[in-house]
C-alpha atoms as a PDB file:
ATOM      1  CA  MET A   1     -20.597  -7.531 -10.890  1.00  0.00           C
ATOM      2  CA  SER A   2     -16.529  -7.878 -11.825  1.00  0.00           C
ATOM      3  CA  TRP A   3     -17.148  -3.975 -12.548  1.00  0.00           C
ATOM      4  CA  LEU A   4     -18.294  -3.155  -9.037  1.00  0.00           C
ATOM      5  CA  ALA A   5     -15.915  -5.622  -7.797  1.00  0.00           C
ATOM      6  CA  ASN A   6     -13.437  -4.237  -9.063  1.00  0.00           C
ATOM      7  CA  ILE A   7     -14.034  -0.622  -7.878  1.00  0.00           C
ATOM      8  CA  ALA A   8     -14.622  -1.884  -4.132  1.00  0.00           C
ATOM      9  CA  THR A   9     -11.130  -3.566  -4.376  1.00  0.00           C
ATOM     10  CA  SER A  10      -9.494  -0.869  -5.880  1.00  0.00           C
ATOM     11  CA  CYS A  11     -10.878   1.487  -2.987  1.00  0.00           C
ATOM     12  CA  GLU A  12      -9.796  -1.160  -0.501  1.00  0.00           C
ATOM     13  CA  LYS A  13      -6.056  -1.284  -1.764  1.00  0.00           C
ATOM     14  CA  ILE A  14      -5.770   2.440  -1.070  1.00  0.00           C
ATOM     15  CA  LEU A  15      -7.743   2.433   2.588  1.00  0.00           C
ATOM     16  CA  GLN A  16      -5.589  -0.423   3.211  1.00  0.00           C
ATOM     17  CA  GLU A  17      -2.682   1.359   2.568  1.00  0.00           C
ATOM     18  CA  ILE A  18      -3.711   4.058   4.996  1.00  0.00           C
ATOM     19  CA  ARG A  19      -4.583   1.763   7.807  1.00  0.00           C
ATOM     20  CA  ASN A  20      -1.043   0.260   7.309  1.00  0.00           C
ATOM     21  CA  LEU A  21       0.388   4.022   7.302  1.00  0.00           C
ATOM     22  CA  GLN A  22      -1.576   4.884  10.651  1.00  0.00           C
ATOM     23  CA  ARG A  23      -0.311   2.000  12.474  1.00  0.00           C
ATOM     24  CA  SER A  24       1.825   3.413  15.997  1.00  0.00           C
ATOM     25  CA  GLU A  25       5.155   2.199  14.388  1.00  0.00           C
ATOM     26  CA  LEU A  26       4.729   4.027  11.294  1.00  0.00           C
ATOM     27  CA  ALA A  27       2.517   6.599  12.122  1.00  0.00           C
ATOM     28  CA  GLU A  28       3.078   8.510   9.026  1.00  0.00           C
ATOM     29  CA  ALA A  29      -0.586   8.906   7.670  1.00  0.00           C
ATOM     30  CA  GLY A  30      -4.132   7.971   8.662  1.00  0.00           C
ATOM     31  CA  GLU A  31      -7.730   8.526   8.316  1.00  0.00           C
ATOM     32  CA  GLY A  32      -8.984  11.825  10.379  1.00  0.00           C
ATOM     33  CA  PHE A  33     -10.035  11.553  13.634  1.00  0.00           C
ATOM     34  CA  ASP A  34     -12.370  13.665  15.832  1.00  0.00           C
ATOM     35  CA  VAL A  35     -11.112  13.491  19.565  1.00  0.00           C
ATOM     36  CA  LYS A  36     -14.701  14.902  20.409  1.00  0.00           C
ATOM     37  CA  LYS A  37     -16.740  12.160  18.720  1.00  0.00           C
ATOM     38  CA  GLN A  38     -14.084   9.474  18.262  1.00  0.00           C
ATOM     39  CA  VAL A  39     -13.189   6.974  21.308  1.00  0.00           C
ATOM     40  CA  GLY A  40     -10.585   4.757  19.116  1.00  0.00           C
ATOM     41  CA  SER A  41      -9.503   1.605  20.763  1.00  0.00           C
ATOM     42  CA  SER A  42     -11.595  -0.134  23.615  1.00  0.00           C
ATOM     43  CA  THR A  43      -8.389  -1.660  25.464  1.00  0.00           C
ATOM     44  CA  MET A  44      -5.684   1.312  24.434  1.00  0.00           C
ATOM     45  CA  ALA A  45      -6.522   4.734  25.256  1.00  0.00           C
ATOM     46  CA  HIS A  46      -4.036   6.506  22.754  1.00  0.00           C
ATOM     47  CA  LYS A  47      -4.596   4.530  19.875  1.00  0.00           C
ATOM     48  CA  LYS A  48      -6.953   5.853  16.627  1.00  0.00           C
ATOM     49  CA  ASN A  49      -8.607   2.936  14.769  1.00  0.00           C
ATOM     50  CA  PRO A  50      -9.026   4.007  11.194  1.00  0.00           C
ATOM     51  CA  ILE A  51     -12.782   2.496  11.643  1.00  0.00           C
ATOM     52  CA  LYS A  52     -14.063   4.306   8.352  1.00  0.00           C
ATOM     53  CA  SER A  53     -11.081   2.504   6.142  1.00  0.00           C
ATOM     54  CA  GLU A  54     -12.019  -0.862   8.327  1.00  0.00           C
ATOM     55  CA  ASN A  55     -15.516  -0.442   7.718  1.00  0.00           C
ATOM     56  CA  ALA A  56     -15.199   0.060   4.035  1.00  0.00           C
ATOM     57  CA  SER A  57     -12.504  -2.749   3.964  1.00  0.00           C
ATOM     58  CA  GLY A  58     -14.637  -4.878   5.335  1.00  0.00           C
ATOM     59  CA  LEU A  59     -17.939  -4.477   2.715  1.00  0.00           C
ATOM     60  CA  ALA A  60     -15.359  -4.191  -0.036  1.00  0.00           C
ATOM     61  CA  ARG A  61     -15.038  -7.926   0.849  1.00  0.00           C
ATOM     62  CA  ILE A  62     -18.303  -8.675   0.072  1.00  0.00           C
ATOM     63  CA  VAL A  63     -19.279  -6.958  -2.819  1.00  0.00           C
ATOM     64  CA  ARG A  64     -16.303  -8.993  -4.120  1.00  0.00           C
ATOM     65  CA  SER A  65     -17.630 -12.315  -2.854  1.00  0.00           C
ATOM     66  CA  PHE A  66     -20.592 -11.266  -5.036  1.00  0.00           C
ATOM     67  CA  ILE A  67     -18.643 -12.566  -7.884  1.00  0.00           C
ATOM     68  CA  ILE A  68     -18.982 -16.483  -6.948  1.00  0.00           C
ATOM     69  CA  PRO A  69     -22.985 -16.652  -6.835  1.00  0.00           C
ATOM     70  CA  THR A  70     -23.070 -14.259 -10.223  1.00  0.00           C
ATOM     71  CA  TYR A  71     -21.015 -16.938 -12.149  1.00  0.00           C
ATOM     72  CA  GLU A  72     -23.077 -19.792 -10.568  1.00  0.00           C
ATOM     73  CA  ASN A  73     -25.789 -17.939 -11.972  1.00  0.00           C
ATOM     74  CA  ALA A  74     -24.871 -18.793 -15.375  1.00  0.00           C
ATOM     75  CA  LEU A  75     -25.800 -22.537 -15.303  1.00  0.00           C
ATOM     76  CA  LEU A  76     -29.437 -22.417 -15.464  1.00  0.00           C
ATOM     77  CA  TRP A  77     -31.398 -25.539 -17.238  1.00  0.00           C
ATOM     78  CA  HIS A  78     -32.073 -25.483 -20.781  1.00  0.00           C
ATOM     79  CA  GLU A  79     -31.368 -22.349 -20.858  1.00  0.00           C
ATOM     80  CA  ARG A  80     -33.886 -21.114 -18.670  1.00  0.00           C
ATOM     81  CA  ASP A  81     -34.912 -21.956 -15.071  1.00  0.00           C
ATOM     82  CA  LEU A  82     -35.398 -19.405 -12.119  1.00  0.00           C
ATOM     83  CA  ALA A  83     -32.713 -20.996  -9.658  1.00  0.00           C
ATOM     84  CA  ASN A  84     -30.897 -17.643 -10.310  1.00  0.00           C
ATOM     85  CA  SER A  85     -33.548 -15.513  -9.193  1.00  0.00           C
ATOM     86  CA  SER A  86     -33.558 -15.634  -5.705  1.00  0.00           C
ATOM     87  CA  SER A  87     -29.572 -15.300  -5.116  1.00  0.00           C
ATOM     88  CA  GLU A  88     -29.920 -12.568  -8.406  1.00  0.00           C
ATOM     89  CA  ARG A  89     -32.339 -10.408  -6.095  1.00  0.00           C
ATOM     90  CA  PHE A  90     -30.019 -10.575  -3.156  1.00  0.00           C
ATOM     91  CA  THR A  91     -26.552  -9.627  -4.884  1.00  0.00           C
ATOM     92  CA  LEU A  92     -27.935  -7.206  -8.030  1.00  0.00           C
ATOM     93  CA  SER A  93     -29.795  -5.134  -5.158  1.00  0.00           C
ATOM     94  CA  HIS A  94     -26.864  -5.008  -2.736  1.00  0.00           C
ATOM     95  CA  ALA A  95     -23.826  -4.778  -4.671  1.00  0.00           C
ATOM     96  CA  PRO A  96     -24.163  -1.577  -5.920  1.00  0.00           C
ATOM     97  CA  THR A  97     -25.325  -0.008  -2.623  1.00  0.00           C
ATOM     98  CA  LEU A  98     -22.466  -1.155  -0.588  1.00  0.00           C
ATOM     99  CA  ALA A  99     -19.939  -0.459  -3.658  1.00  0.00           C
ATOM    100  CA  GLU A 100     -21.245   3.309  -3.508  1.00  0.00           C
ATOM    101  CA  ASP A 101     -21.073   3.092   0.483  1.00  0.00           C
ATOM    102  CA  VAL A 102     -17.172   1.843   0.344  1.00  0.00           C
ATOM    103  CA  MET A 103     -16.685   4.303  -2.315  1.00  0.00           C
ATOM    104  CA  ALA A 104     -18.332   7.679  -0.109  1.00  0.00           C
ATOM    105  CA  LYS A 105     -16.325   5.986   2.854  1.00  0.00           C
ATOM    106  CA  THR A 106     -13.107   5.849   0.598  1.00  0.00           C
ATOM    107  CA  ALA A 107     -13.755   9.660  -0.588  1.00  0.00           C
ATOM    108  CA  ASP A 108     -14.212  11.010   2.960  1.00  0.00           C
ATOM    109  CA  VAL A 109     -11.101   9.089   4.326  1.00  0.00           C
ATOM    110  CA  LEU A 110      -9.466  10.594   1.347  1.00  0.00           C
ATOM    111  CA  THR A 111     -11.001  14.162   2.243  1.00  0.00           C
ATOM    112  CA  ASN A 112     -10.307  13.912   5.687  1.00  0.00           C
ATOM    113  CA  MET A 113      -6.771  12.121   5.862  1.00  0.00           C
ATOM    114  CA  TRP A 114      -3.595  13.706   7.362  1.00  0.00           C
ATOM    115  CA  VAL A 115       0.279  13.045   6.617  1.00  0.00           C
ATOM    116  CA  ASP A 116       3.311  13.646   8.985  1.00  0.00           C
ATOM    117  CA  LYS A 117       5.703  14.627   6.839  1.00  0.00           C
ATOM    118  CA  ASP A 118       8.497  14.759   9.864  1.00  0.00           C
ATOM    119  CA  ARG A 119       7.402  11.018  10.753  1.00  0.00           C
ATOM    120  CA  CYS A 120       7.810  10.065   6.860  1.00  0.00           C
ATOM    121  CA  LEU A 121      11.248  11.355   6.915  1.00  0.00           C
ATOM    122  CA  ALA A 122      12.317   9.942  10.154  1.00  0.00           C
ATOM    123  CA  ASN A 123      11.355   6.521   8.995  1.00  0.00           C
ATOM    124  CA  ILE A 124      13.084   6.982   5.700  1.00  0.00           C
ATOM    125  CA  HIS A 125      16.352   8.350   7.536  1.00  0.00           C
ATOM    126  CA  SER A 126      15.933   5.082   9.975  1.00  0.00           C
ATOM    127  CA  GLN A 127      16.184   3.018   7.197  1.00  0.00           C
ATOM    128  CA  LYS A 128      19.921   4.781   6.671  1.00  0.00           C
ATOM    129  CA  GLY A 129      19.256   4.961   3.065  1.00  0.00           C
ATOM    130  CA  LEU A 130      18.767   1.184   2.322  1.00  0.00           C
ATOM    131  CA  VAL A 131      15.152   2.437   0.870  1.00  0.00           C
ATOM    132  CA  MET A 132      17.492   4.465  -2.061  1.00  0.00           C
ATOM    133  CA  ALA A 133      18.997   1.024  -2.811  1.00  0.00           C
ATOM    134  CA  GLU A 134      16.567   0.642  -6.278  1.00  0.00           C
ATOM    135  CA  LYS A 135      17.293   3.998  -7.265  1.00  0.00           C
ATOM    136  CA  VAL A 136      21.421   3.468  -7.066  1.00  0.00           C
ATOM    137  CA  MET A 137      20.778   0.308  -8.885  1.00  0.00           C
ATOM    138  CA  ILE A 138      18.727   1.780 -12.101  1.00  0.00           C
ATOM    139  CA  GLU A 139      21.600   4.154 -12.042  1.00  0.00           C
ATOM    140  CA  LEU A 140      24.107   2.000 -12.314  1.00  0.00           C
ATOM    141  CA  VAL A 141      22.131   0.156 -15.105  1.00  0.00           C
ATOM    142  CA  ASP A 142      21.919   3.410 -16.797  1.00  0.00           C
ATOM    143  CA  HIS A 143      25.676   4.019 -16.592  1.00  0.00           C
ATOM    144  CA  GLY A 144      26.209   0.435 -18.508  1.00  0.00           C
ATOM    145  CA  VAL A 145      26.679  -2.358 -15.552  1.00  0.00           C
ATOM    146  CA  PRO A 146      24.370  -5.024 -16.505  1.00  0.00           C
ATOM    147  CA  ARG A 147      21.209  -5.231 -14.194  1.00  0.00           C
ATOM    148  CA  ASP A 148      21.794  -8.684 -12.252  1.00  0.00           C
ATOM    149  CA  GLU A 149      25.146  -7.444 -11.584  1.00  0.00           C
ATOM    150  CA  ALA A 150      24.118  -4.169 -10.387  1.00  0.00           C
ATOM    151  CA  HIS A 151      21.467  -6.110  -8.498  1.00  0.00           C
ATOM    152  CA  GLU A 152      24.130  -8.281  -6.799  1.00  0.00           C
ATOM    153  CA  VAL A 153      26.443  -5.189  -5.612  1.00  0.00           C
ATOM    154  CA  LEU A 154      23.396  -3.209  -4.255  1.00  0.00           C
ATOM    155  CA  ARG A 155      22.589  -6.521  -2.616  1.00  0.00           C
ATOM    156  CA  GLU A 156      25.912  -6.791  -1.124  1.00  0.00           C
ATOM    157  CA  ALA A 157      26.472  -3.422  -0.471  1.00  0.00           C
ATOM    158  CA  SER A 158      22.648  -3.300   1.634  1.00  0.00           C
ATOM    159  CA  PHE A 159      23.603  -6.302   3.749  1.00  0.00           C
ATOM    160  CA  THR A 160      26.922  -4.590   4.880  1.00  0.00           C
ATOM    161  CA  ALA A 161      25.200  -1.669   5.649  1.00  0.00           C
ATOM    162  CA  LEU A 162      22.734  -3.603   7.536  1.00  0.00           C
ATOM    163  CA  ALA A 163      25.266  -5.554   9.608  1.00  0.00           C
ATOM    164  CA  ASN A 164      27.612  -2.692   9.926  1.00  0.00           C
ATOM    165  CA  ASP A 165      24.679  -0.088  11.419  1.00  0.00           C
ATOM    166  CA  GLU A 166      25.854   2.015   8.520  1.00  0.00           C
ATOM    167  CA  GLU A 167      24.603   4.695   6.157  1.00  0.00           C
ATOM    168  CA  LEU A 168      23.902   2.675   2.767  1.00  0.00           C
ATOM    169  CA  ILE A 169      25.816   5.929   0.957  1.00  0.00           C
ATOM    170  CA  ASP A 170      28.959   5.320   3.031  1.00  0.00           C
ATOM    171  CA  VAL A 171      29.072   2.003   2.050  1.00  0.00           C
ATOM    172  CA  CYS A 172      28.673   2.764  -1.538  1.00  0.00           C
ATOM    173  CA  SER A 173      31.132   5.544  -1.749  1.00  0.00           C
ATOM    174  CA  ARG A 174      33.884   3.041  -1.031  1.00  0.00           C
ATOM    175  CA  THR A 175      31.961  -0.092  -3.018  1.00  0.00           C
ATOM    176  CA  PRO A 176      34.472   0.056  -6.553  1.00  0.00           C
ATOM    177  CA  ALA A 177      31.451  -1.127  -8.385  1.00  0.00           C
ATOM    178  CA  ILE A 178      29.732   1.719  -7.756  1.00  0.00           C
ATOM    179  CA  SER A 179      32.264   4.335  -7.494  1.00  0.00           C
ATOM    180  CA  ALA A 180      33.678   3.736 -10.647  1.00  0.00           C
ATOM    181  CA  ALA A 181      30.326   4.114 -12.660  1.00  0.00           C
ATOM    182  CA  PHE A 182      29.647   7.454 -11.484  1.00  0.00           C
ATOM    183  CA  PRO A 183      31.219  10.049  -8.716  1.00  0.00           C
ATOM    184  CA  PRO A 184      30.200  10.209  -5.084  1.00  0.00           C
ATOM    185  CA  ARG A 185      28.301  13.481  -5.858  1.00  0.00           C
ATOM    186  CA  ASN A 186      26.197  11.509  -7.791  1.00  0.00           C
ATOM    187  CA  SER A 187      25.636   8.613  -5.791  1.00  0.00           C
ATOM    188  CA  LYS A 188      24.606  10.878  -2.898  1.00  0.00           C
ATOM    189  CA  ARG A 189      22.143  12.530  -5.354  1.00  0.00           C
ATOM    190  CA  CYS A 190      20.639   9.313  -5.929  1.00  0.00           C
ATOM    191  CA  LEU A 191      20.181   8.777  -1.926  1.00  0.00           C
ATOM    192  CA  THR A 192      18.526  11.632  -1.457  1.00  0.00           C
ATOM    193  CA  ARG A 193      15.974  12.148  -3.481  1.00  0.00           C
END
């Protein structure tokens, strides 16, 4: 049962990410949508609900919930009574079927999903390089700066960029602790890859 629950949970993690990326404000990726056959949202005509992902996520939760009765069934009187029988008839017959359905829906979503590369880049650029702060921090550590110091330097640079609506690369280029570790050309490389 744990194995089936883990598979269903892994599928749900993938589908949850796709559902989040499909939200209107992100719109970076999502499950395929057949305009001729699907309606989408019943209240917002423009919205394309990730129905398969939502459905499979709900079923994965049911598979995961079968773990509790499975463990409860280990408690038998004098090593054998029939208290486990009624719940096992349900969990053992339903869990594999539901897990298979979750896997099939996940495969279908992954096969037919879309990715908007331009929107991904636009979202990255809207963050003004902040998504690359970790990479600069790691480069600083690789250049001999202690990790806690590198983290603090990037934290301050990130907050400065946010407060002043600046690109992180511009703040990094004038931050002595960063520019001393490597030339501006290298900091630009860190923030663009």
